[in-house]
Amino acid sequence: RSVALGGVRVQVPFSYLKEAVQVVENINSGKYKT
């Protein structure tokens, strides 16, 4: 049921959205791991 509802979500205040999206992109690209 959780997957059907969209899973576990990480949320931020709207005023931080742009910076948060960049951090998530860095995580997904492996930048922090490198």
PDB file of all heavy atoms in Angstrom:
ATOM      1  N   ARG A   1       0.833  -1.199   0.000  1.00  0.00           N
ATOM      2  CA  ARG A   1       0.000   0.000   0.000  1.00  0.00           C
ATOM      3  C   ARG A   1       0.871   1.253   0.000  1.00  0.00           C
ATOM      4  O   ARG A   1       0.547   2.249  -0.633  1.00  0.00           O
ATOM      5  CB  ARG A   1      -0.933  -0.005   1.206  1.00  0.00           C
ATOM      6  CG  ARG A   1      -1.999   1.057   1.102  1.00  0.00           C
ATOM      7  CD  ARG A   1      -3.091   0.861   2.101  1.00  0.00           C
ATOM      8  NE  ARG A   1      -3.835  -0.350   1.760  1.00  0.00           N
ATOM      9  CZ  ARG A   1      -4.571  -1.032   2.608  1.00  0.00           C
ATOM     10  NH1 ARG A   1      -4.680  -0.647   3.856  1.00  0.00           N
ATOM     11  NH2 ARG A   1      -5.212  -2.114   2.226  1.00  0.00           N
ATOM     12  N   SER A   2       1.993   1.199   0.685  1.00  0.00           N
ATOM     13  CA  SER A   2       2.902   2.340   0.715  1.00  0.00           C
ATOM     14  C   SER A   2       3.407   2.673  -0.681  1.00  0.00           C
ATOM     15  O   SER A   2       3.441   3.836  -1.080  1.00  0.00           O
ATOM     16  CB  SER A   2       4.090   2.052   1.632  1.00  0.00           C
ATOM     17  OG  SER A   2       5.042   3.074   1.528  1.00  0.00           O
ATOM     18  N   VAL A   3       3.791   1.653  -1.432  1.00  0.00           N
ATOM     19  CA  VAL A   3       4.269   1.881  -2.792  1.00  0.00           C
ATOM     20  C   VAL A   3       3.145   2.470  -3.648  1.00  0.00           C
ATOM     21  O   VAL A   3       3.357   3.399  -4.420  1.00  0.00           O
ATOM     22  CB  VAL A   3       4.815   0.574  -3.403  1.00  0.00           C
ATOM     23  CG1 VAL A   3       5.149   0.752  -4.872  1.00  0.00           C
ATOM     24  CG2 VAL A   3       6.052   0.112  -2.637  1.00  0.00           C
ATOM     25  N   ALA A   4       1.949   1.977  -3.473  1.00  0.00           N
ATOM     26  CA  ALA A   4       0.808   2.497  -4.227  1.00  0.00           C
ATOM     27  C   ALA A   4       0.519   3.962  -3.880  1.00  0.00           C
ATOM     28  O   ALA A   4       0.067   4.727  -4.732  1.00  0.00           O
ATOM     29  CB  ALA A   4      -0.432   1.646  -3.958  1.00  0.00           C
ATOM     30  N   LEU A   5       0.810   4.358  -2.640  1.00  0.00           N
ATOM     31  CA  LEU A   5       0.581   5.742  -2.212  1.00  0.00           C
ATOM     32  C   LEU A   5       1.736   6.678  -2.592  1.00  0.00           C
ATOM     33  O   LEU A   5       1.672   7.868  -2.355  1.00  0.00           O
ATOM     34  CB  LEU A   5       0.356   5.794  -0.700  1.00  0.00           C
ATOM     35  CG  LEU A   5      -0.918   5.123  -0.195  1.00  0.00           C
ATOM     36  CD1 LEU A   5      -0.929   5.071   1.325  1.00  0.00           C
ATOM     37  CD2 LEU A   5      -2.148   5.866  -0.717  1.00  0.00           C
ATOM     38  N   GLY A   6       2.805   6.133  -3.157  1.00  0.00           N
ATOM     39  CA  GLY A   6       3.918   6.981  -3.584  1.00  0.00           C
ATOM     40  C   GLY A   6       5.193   6.801  -2.800  1.00  0.00           C
ATOM     41  O   GLY A   6       6.161   7.518  -3.005  1.00  0.00           O
ATOM     42  N   GLY A   7       5.227   5.861  -1.869  1.00  0.00           N
ATOM     43  CA  GLY A   7       6.452   5.575  -1.131  1.00  0.00           C
ATOM     44  C   GLY A   7       6.762   6.577  -0.038  1.00  0.00           C
ATOM     45  O   GLY A   7       5.941   7.417   0.326  1.00  0.00           O
ATOM     46  N   VAL A   8       7.977   6.480   0.471  1.00  0.00           N
ATOM     47  CA  VAL A   8       8.461   7.375   1.519  1.00  0.00           C
ATOM     48  C   VAL A   8       9.009   8.623   0.829  1.00  0.00           C
ATOM     49  O   VAL A   8       9.781   8.526  -0.122  1.00  0.00           O
ATOM     50  CB  VAL A   8       9.565   6.690   2.353  1.00  0.00           C
ATOM     51  CG1 VAL A   8      10.042   7.603   3.461  1.00  0.00           C
ATOM     52  CG2 VAL A   8       9.073   5.371   2.919  1.00  0.00           C
ATOM     53  N   ARG A   9       8.618   9.788   1.319  1.00  0.00           N
ATOM     54  CA  ARG A   9       8.978  11.036   0.645  1.00  0.00           C
ATOM     55  C   ARG A   9       9.888  11.896   1.518  1.00  0.00           C
ATOM     56  O   ARG A   9       9.693  11.971   2.728  1.00  0.00           O
ATOM     57  CB  ARG A   9       7.720  11.825   0.327  1.00  0.00           C
ATOM     58  CG  ARG A   9       6.799  11.059  -0.581  1.00  0.00           C
ATOM     59  CD  ARG A   9       5.495  11.776  -0.791  1.00  0.00           C
ATOM     60  NE  ARG A   9       4.546  10.831  -1.389  1.00  0.00           N
ATOM     61  CZ  ARG A   9       3.256  10.967  -1.334  1.00  0.00           C
ATOM     62  NH1 ARG A   9       2.720  12.004  -0.727  1.00  0.00           N
ATOM     63  NH2 ARG A   9       2.477  10.077  -1.902  1.00  0.00           N
ATOM     64  N   VAL A  10      10.845  12.523   0.866  1.00  0.00           N
ATOM     65  CA  VAL A  10      11.670  13.530   1.533  1.00  0.00           C
ATOM     66  C   VAL A  10      11.124  14.872   1.067  1.00  0.00           C
ATOM     67  O   VAL A  10      11.017  15.133  -0.132  1.00  0.00           O
ATOM     68  CB  VAL A  10      13.154  13.387   1.168  1.00  0.00           C
ATOM     69  CG1 VAL A  10      13.979  14.476   1.847  1.00  0.00           C
ATOM     70  CG2 VAL A  10      13.667  12.003   1.550  1.00  0.00           C
ATOM     71  N   GLN A  11      10.786  15.714   2.045  1.00  0.00           N
ATOM     72  CA  GLN A  11      10.164  16.989   1.731  1.00  0.00           C
ATOM     73  C   GLN A  11      10.927  18.141   2.361  1.00  0.00           C
ATOM     74  O   GLN A  11      11.546  17.980   3.411  1.00  0.00           O
ATOM     75  CB  GLN A  11       8.708  16.991   2.218  1.00  0.00           C
ATOM     76  CG  GLN A  11       7.885  15.889   1.576  1.00  0.00           C
ATOM     77  CD  GLN A  11       6.455  15.866   2.051  1.00  0.00           C
ATOM     78  OE1 GLN A  11       6.172  16.161   3.209  1.00  0.00           O
ATOM     79  NE2 GLN A  11       5.548  15.518   1.152  1.00  0.00           N
ATOM     80  N   VAL A  12      10.877  19.278   1.686  1.00  0.00           N
ATOM     81  CA  VAL A  12      11.556  20.495   2.158  1.00  0.00           C
ATOM     82  C   VAL A  12      10.599  21.672   2.019  1.00  0.00           C
ATOM     83  O   VAL A  12       9.673  21.636   1.214  1.00  0.00           O
ATOM     84  CB  VAL A  12      12.849  20.773   1.358  1.00  0.00           C
ATOM     85  CG1 VAL A  12      13.838  19.639   1.496  1.00  0.00           C
ATOM     86  CG2 VAL A  12      12.553  21.052  -0.103  1.00  0.00           C
ATOM     87  N   PRO A  13      10.842  22.737   2.783  1.00  0.00           N
ATOM     88  CA  PRO A  13      10.050  23.952   2.586  1.00  0.00           C
ATOM     89  C   PRO A  13      10.280  24.496   1.168  1.00  0.00           C
ATOM     90  O   PRO A  13      11.383  24.391   0.613  1.00  0.00           O
ATOM     91  CB  PRO A  13      10.596  24.920   3.636  1.00  0.00           C
ATOM     92  CG  PRO A  13      11.210  24.040   4.673  1.00  0.00           C
ATOM     93  CD  PRO A  13      11.740  22.859   3.927  1.00  0.00           C
ATOM     94  N   PHE A  14       9.247  25.085   0.598  1.00  0.00           N
ATOM     95  CA  PHE A  14       9.309  25.589  -0.771  1.00  0.00           C
ATOM     96  C   PHE A  14      10.478  26.546  -0.991  1.00  0.00           C
ATOM     97  O   PHE A  14      11.113  26.534  -2.046  1.00  0.00           O
ATOM     98  CB  PHE A  14       7.987  26.275  -1.138  1.00  0.00           C
ATOM     99  CG  PHE A  14       7.948  26.755  -2.555  1.00  0.00           C
ATOM    100  CD1 PHE A  14       7.802  25.855  -3.595  1.00  0.00           C
ATOM    101  CD2 PHE A  14       8.076  28.095  -2.846  1.00  0.00           C
ATOM    102  CE1 PHE A  14       7.774  26.292  -4.912  1.00  0.00           C
ATOM    103  CE2 PHE A  14       8.053  28.547  -4.163  1.00  0.00           C
ATOM    104  CZ  PHE A  14       7.896  27.636  -5.196  1.00  0.00           C
ATOM    105  N   SER A  15      10.797  27.344  -0.002  1.00  0.00           N
ATOM    106  CA  SER A  15      11.877  28.324  -0.154  1.00  0.00           C
ATOM    107  C   SER A  15      13.254  27.671  -0.327  1.00  0.00           C
ATOM    108  O   SER A  15      14.200  28.318  -0.776  1.00  0.00           O
ATOM    109  CB  SER A  15      11.900  29.284   1.033  1.00  0.00           C
ATOM    110  OG  SER A  15      12.089  28.566   2.238  1.00  0.00           O
ATOM    111  N   TYR A  16      13.390  26.386  -0.007  1.00  0.00           N
ATOM    112  CA  TYR A  16      14.650  25.662  -0.151  1.00  0.00           C
ATOM    113  C   TYR A  16      14.630  24.686  -1.329  1.00  0.00           C
ATOM    114  O   TYR A  16      15.581  23.936  -1.531  1.00  0.00           O
ATOM    115  CB  TYR A  16      14.949  24.851   1.115  1.00  0.00           C
ATOM    116  CG  TYR A  16      15.298  25.689   2.312  1.00  0.00           C
ATOM    117  CD1 TYR A  16      14.309  26.126   3.183  1.00  0.00           C
ATOM    118  CD2 TYR A  16      16.621  26.040   2.579  1.00  0.00           C
ATOM    119  CE1 TYR A  16      14.621  26.887   4.293  1.00  0.00           C
ATOM    120  CE2 TYR A  16      16.945  26.803   3.685  1.00  0.00           C
ATOM    121  CZ  TYR A  16      15.938  27.226   4.543  1.00  0.00           C
ATOM    122  OH  TYR A  16      16.255  27.982   5.644  1.00  0.00           O
ATOM    123  N   LEU A  17      13.571  24.714  -2.110  1.00  0.00           N
ATOM    124  CA  LEU A  17      13.374  23.700  -3.153  1.00  0.00           C
ATOM    125  C   LEU A  17      14.510  23.655  -4.164  1.00  0.00           C
ATOM    126  O   LEU A  17      15.029  22.576  -4.469  1.00  0.00           O
ATOM    127  CB  LEU A  17      12.036  23.934  -3.865  1.00  0.00           C
ATOM    128  CG  LEU A  17      11.674  22.913  -4.940  1.00  0.00           C
ATOM    129  CD1 LEU A  17      11.559  21.516  -4.330  1.00  0.00           C
ATOM    130  CD2 LEU A  17      10.370  23.302  -5.613  1.00  0.00           C
ATOM    131  N   LYS A  18      14.927  24.781  -4.675  1.00  0.00           N
ATOM    132  CA  LYS A  18      15.963  24.806  -5.708  1.00  0.00           C
ATOM    133  C   LYS A  18      17.269  24.181  -5.205  1.00  0.00           C
ATOM    134  O   LYS A  18      17.872  23.348  -5.890  1.00  0.00           O
ATOM    135  CB  LYS A  18      16.198  26.239  -6.161  1.00  0.00           C
ATOM    136  CG  LYS A  18      17.115  26.373  -7.345  1.00  0.00           C
ATOM    137  CD  LYS A  18      17.177  27.820  -7.797  1.00  0.00           C
ATOM    138  CE  LYS A  18      18.056  27.958  -9.021  1.00  0.00           C
ATOM    139  NZ  LYS A  18      18.099  29.342  -9.504  1.00  0.00           N
ATOM    140  N   GLU A  19      17.686  24.580  -4.002  1.00  0.00           N
ATOM    141  CA  GLU A  19      18.922  24.024  -3.437  1.00  0.00           C
ATOM    142  C   GLU A  19      18.775  22.532  -3.152  1.00  0.00           C
ATOM    143  O   GLU A  19      19.702  21.760  -3.385  1.00  0.00           O
ATOM    144  CB  GLU A  19      19.295  24.753  -2.144  1.00  0.00           C
ATOM    145  CG  GLU A  19      19.627  26.214  -2.353  1.00  0.00           C
ATOM    146  CD  GLU A  19      18.402  27.125  -2.212  1.00  0.00           C
ATOM    147  OE1 GLU A  19      17.262  26.621  -2.171  1.00  0.00           O
ATOM    148  OE2 GLU A  19      18.594  28.341  -2.153  1.00  0.00           O
ATOM    149  N   ALA A  20      17.615  22.129  -2.669  1.00  0.00           N
ATOM    150  CA  ALA A  20      17.385  20.720  -2.341  1.00  0.00           C
ATOM    151  C   ALA A  20      17.406  19.849  -3.586  1.00  0.00           C
ATOM    152  O   ALA A  20      17.978  18.748  -3.571  1.00  0.00           O
ATOM    153  CB  ALA A  20      16.054  20.566  -1.611  1.00  0.00           C
ATOM    154  N   VAL A  21      16.821  20.324  -4.661  1.00  0.00           N
ATOM    155  CA  VAL A  21      16.836  19.566  -5.915  1.00  0.00           C
ATOM    156  C   VAL A  21      18.272  19.367  -6.384  1.00  0.00           C
ATOM    157  O   VAL A  21      18.645  18.280  -6.840  1.00  0.00           O
ATOM    158  CB  VAL A  21      15.974  20.262  -6.990  1.00  0.00           C
ATOM    159  CG1 VAL A  21      16.212  19.666  -8.365  1.00  0.00           C
ATOM    160  CG2 VAL A  21      14.498  20.180  -6.615  1.00  0.00           C
ATOM    161  N   GLN A  22      19.097  20.386  -6.249  1.00  0.00           N
ATOM    162  CA  GLN A  22      20.507  20.269  -6.646  1.00  0.00           C
ATOM    163  C   GLN A  22      21.234  19.233  -5.789  1.00  0.00           C
ATOM    164  O   GLN A  22      22.018  18.432  -6.305  1.00  0.00           O
ATOM    165  CB  GLN A  22      21.220  21.621  -6.555  1.00  0.00           C
ATOM    166  CG  GLN A  22      22.654  21.578  -7.023  1.00  0.00           C
ATOM    167  CD  GLN A  22      22.774  21.165  -8.485  1.00  0.00           C
ATOM    168  OE1 GLN A  22      22.135  21.749  -9.337  1.00  0.00           O
ATOM    169  NE2 GLN A  22      23.582  20.163  -8.761  1.00  0.00           N
ATOM    170  N   VAL A  23      20.983  19.220  -4.491  1.00  0.00           N
ATOM    171  CA  VAL A  23      21.613  18.238  -3.604  1.00  0.00           C
ATOM    172  C   VAL A  23      21.180  16.825  -3.987  1.00  0.00           C
ATOM    173  O   VAL A  23      22.000  15.908  -4.069  1.00  0.00           O
ATOM    174  CB  VAL A  23      21.290  18.538  -2.120  1.00  0.00           C
ATOM    175  CG1 VAL A  23      21.739  17.406  -1.224  1.00  0.00           C
ATOM    176  CG2 VAL A  23      21.946  19.849  -1.698  1.00  0.00           C
ATOM    177  N   VAL A  24      19.901  16.630  -4.250  1.00  0.00           N
ATOM    178  CA  VAL A  24      19.406  15.304  -4.640  1.00  0.00           C
ATOM    179  C   VAL A  24      20.034  14.876  -5.968  1.00  0.00           C
ATOM    180  O   VAL A  24      20.426  13.712  -6.135  1.00  0.00           O
ATOM    181  CB  VAL A  24      17.855  15.286  -4.714  1.00  0.00           C
ATOM    182  CG1 VAL A  24      17.353  13.999  -5.330  1.00  0.00           C
ATOM    183  CG2 VAL A  24      17.270  15.477  -3.324  1.00  0.00           C
ATOM    184  N   GLU A  25      20.177  15.803  -6.905  1.00  0.00           N
ATOM    185  CA  GLU A  25      20.845  15.483  -8.170  1.00  0.00           C
ATOM    186  C   GLU A  25      22.294  15.082  -7.925  1.00  0.00           C
ATOM    187  O   GLU A  25      22.801  14.151  -8.555  1.00  0.00           O
ATOM    188  CB  GLU A  25      20.779  16.667  -9.132  1.00  0.00           C
ATOM    189  CG  GLU A  25      19.408  16.882  -9.726  1.00  0.00           C
ATOM    190  CD  GLU A  25      19.334  18.125 -10.624  1.00  0.00           C
ATOM    191  OE1 GLU A  25      20.385  18.778 -10.858  1.00  0.00           O
ATOM    192  OE2 GLU A  25      18.218  18.436 -11.065  1.00  0.00           O
ATOM    193  N   ASN A  26      22.978  15.777  -7.011  1.00  0.00           N
ATOM    194  CA  ASN A  26      24.362  15.423  -6.671  1.00  0.00           C
ATOM    195  C   ASN A  26      24.438  14.032  -6.048  1.00  0.00           C
ATOM    196  O   ASN A  26      25.374  13.277  -6.321  1.00  0.00           O
ATOM    197  CB  ASN A  26      24.963  16.452  -5.721  1.00  0.00           C
ATOM    198  CG  ASN A  26      25.213  17.787  -6.385  1.00  0.00           C
ATOM    199  OD1 ASN A  26      25.233  17.902  -7.611  1.00  0.00           O
ATOM    200  ND2 ASN A  26      25.392  18.817  -5.579  1.00  0.00           N
ATOM    201  N   ILE A  27      23.467  13.693  -5.219  1.00  0.00           N
ATOM    202  CA  ILE A  27      23.429  12.354  -4.618  1.00  0.00           C
ATOM    203  C   ILE A  27      23.257  11.313  -5.709  1.00  0.00           C
ATOM    204  O   ILE A  27      23.989  10.320  -5.769  1.00  0.00           O
ATOM    205  CB  ILE A  27      22.287  12.238  -3.583  1.00  0.00           C
ATOM    206  CG1 ILE A  27      22.579  13.115  -2.370  1.00  0.00           C
ATOM    207  CG2 ILE A  27      22.056  10.780  -3.183  1.00  0.00           C
ATOM    208  CD1 ILE A  27      21.400  13.274  -1.427  1.00  0.00           C
ATOM    209  N   ASN A  28      22.288  11.524  -6.583  1.00  0.00           N
ATOM    210  CA  ASN A  28      21.982  10.550  -7.634  1.00  0.00           C
ATOM    211  C   ASN A  28      23.114  10.401  -8.644  1.00  0.00           C
ATOM    212  O   ASN A  28      23.307   9.326  -9.210  1.00  0.00           O
ATOM    213  CB  ASN A  28      20.686  10.928  -8.342  1.00  0.00           C
ATOM    214  CG  ASN A  28      19.483  10.785  -7.439  1.00  0.00           C
ATOM    215  OD1 ASN A  28      19.499  10.032  -6.473  1.00  0.00           O
ATOM    216  ND2 ASN A  28      18.433  11.520  -7.736  1.00  0.00           N
ATOM    217  N   SER A  29      23.877  11.473  -8.877  1.00  0.00           N
ATOM    218  CA  SER A  29      24.975  11.408  -9.841  1.00  0.00           C
ATOM    219  C   SER A  29      26.238  10.782  -9.245  1.00  0.00           C
ATOM    220  O   SER A  29      27.174  10.469  -9.966  1.00  0.00           O
ATOM    221  CB  SER A  29      25.302  12.808 -10.365  1.00  0.00           C
ATOM    222  OG  SER A  29      25.939  13.579  -9.364  1.00  0.00           O
ATOM    223  N   GLY A  30      26.276  10.641  -7.926  1.00  0.00           N
ATOM    224  CA  GLY A  30      27.447  10.055  -7.272  1.00  0.00           C
ATOM    225  C   GLY A  30      28.510  11.071  -6.898  1.00  0.00           C
ATOM    226  O   GLY A  30      29.621  10.703  -6.531  1.00  0.00           O
ATOM    227  N   LYS A  31      28.190  12.357  -6.986  1.00  0.00           N
ATOM    228  CA  LYS A  31      29.174  13.405  -6.694  1.00  0.00           C
ATOM    229  C   LYS A  31      29.720  13.291  -5.278  1.00  0.00           C
ATOM    230  O   LYS A  31      30.936  13.368  -5.068  1.00  0.00           O
ATOM    231  CB  LYS A  31      28.556  14.785  -6.901  1.00  0.00           C
ATOM    232  CG  LYS A  31      29.515  15.899  -6.588  1.00  0.00           C
ATOM    233  CD  LYS A  31      28.891  17.256  -6.740  1.00  0.00           C
ATOM    234  CE  LYS A  31      29.937  18.306  -6.363  1.00  0.00           C
ATOM    235  NZ  LYS A  31      29.365  19.595  -6.119  1.00  0.00           N
ATOM    236  N   TYR A  32      28.858  13.113  -4.300  1.00  0.00           N
ATOM    237  CA  TYR A  32      29.313  13.051  -2.912  1.00  0.00           C
ATOM    238  C   TYR A  32      30.142  11.799  -2.652  1.00  0.00           C
ATOM    239  O   TYR A  32      31.111  11.829  -1.903  1.00  0.00           O
ATOM    240  CB  TYR A  32      28.126  13.119  -1.952  1.00  0.00           C
ATOM    241  CG  TYR A  32      27.376  14.424  -2.040  1.00  0.00           C
ATOM    242  CD1 TYR A  32      26.029  14.456  -2.363  1.00  0.00           C
ATOM    243  CD2 TYR A  32      28.011  15.636  -1.809  1.00  0.00           C
ATOM    244  CE1 TYR A  32      25.332  15.650  -2.450  1.00  0.00           C
ATOM    245  CE2 TYR A  32      27.331  16.836  -1.892  1.00  0.00           C
ATOM    246  CZ  TYR A  32      25.991  16.838  -2.210  1.00  0.00           C
ATOM    247  OH  TYR A  32      25.319  18.024  -2.300  1.00  0.00           O
ATOM    248  N   LYS A  33      29.776  10.713  -3.298  1.00  0.00           N
ATOM    249  CA  LYS A  33      30.540   9.474  -3.144  1.00  0.00           C
ATOM    250  C   LYS A  33      31.953   9.660  -3.687  1.00  0.00           C
ATOM    251  O   LYS A  33      32.928   9.258  -3.053  1.00  0.00           O
ATOM    252  CB  LYS A  33      29.835   8.332  -3.878  1.00  0.00           C
ATOM    253  CG  LYS A  33      30.553   7.021  -3.776  1.00  0.00           C
ATOM    254  CD  LYS A  33      29.823   5.934  -4.527  1.00  0.00           C
ATOM    255  CE  LYS A  33      30.614   4.644  -4.473  1.00  0.00           C
ATOM    256  NZ  LYS A  33      30.039   3.614  -5.318  1.00  0.00           N
ATOM    257  N   THR A  34      32.069  10.288  -4.848  1.00  0.00           N
ATOM    258  CA  THR A  34      33.378  10.540  -5.451  1.00  0.00           C
ATOM    259  C   THR A  34      34.223  11.436  -4.557  1.00  0.00           C
ATOM    260  O   THR A  34      35.411  11.170  -4.341  1.00  0.00           O
ATOM    261  CB  THR A  34      33.207  11.185  -6.839  1.00  0.00           C
ATOM    262  OG1 THR A  34      32.411  10.318  -7.650  1.00  0.00           O
ATOM    263  CG2 THR A  34      34.542  11.423  -7.505  1.00  0.00           C
TER     264      THR A  34
END
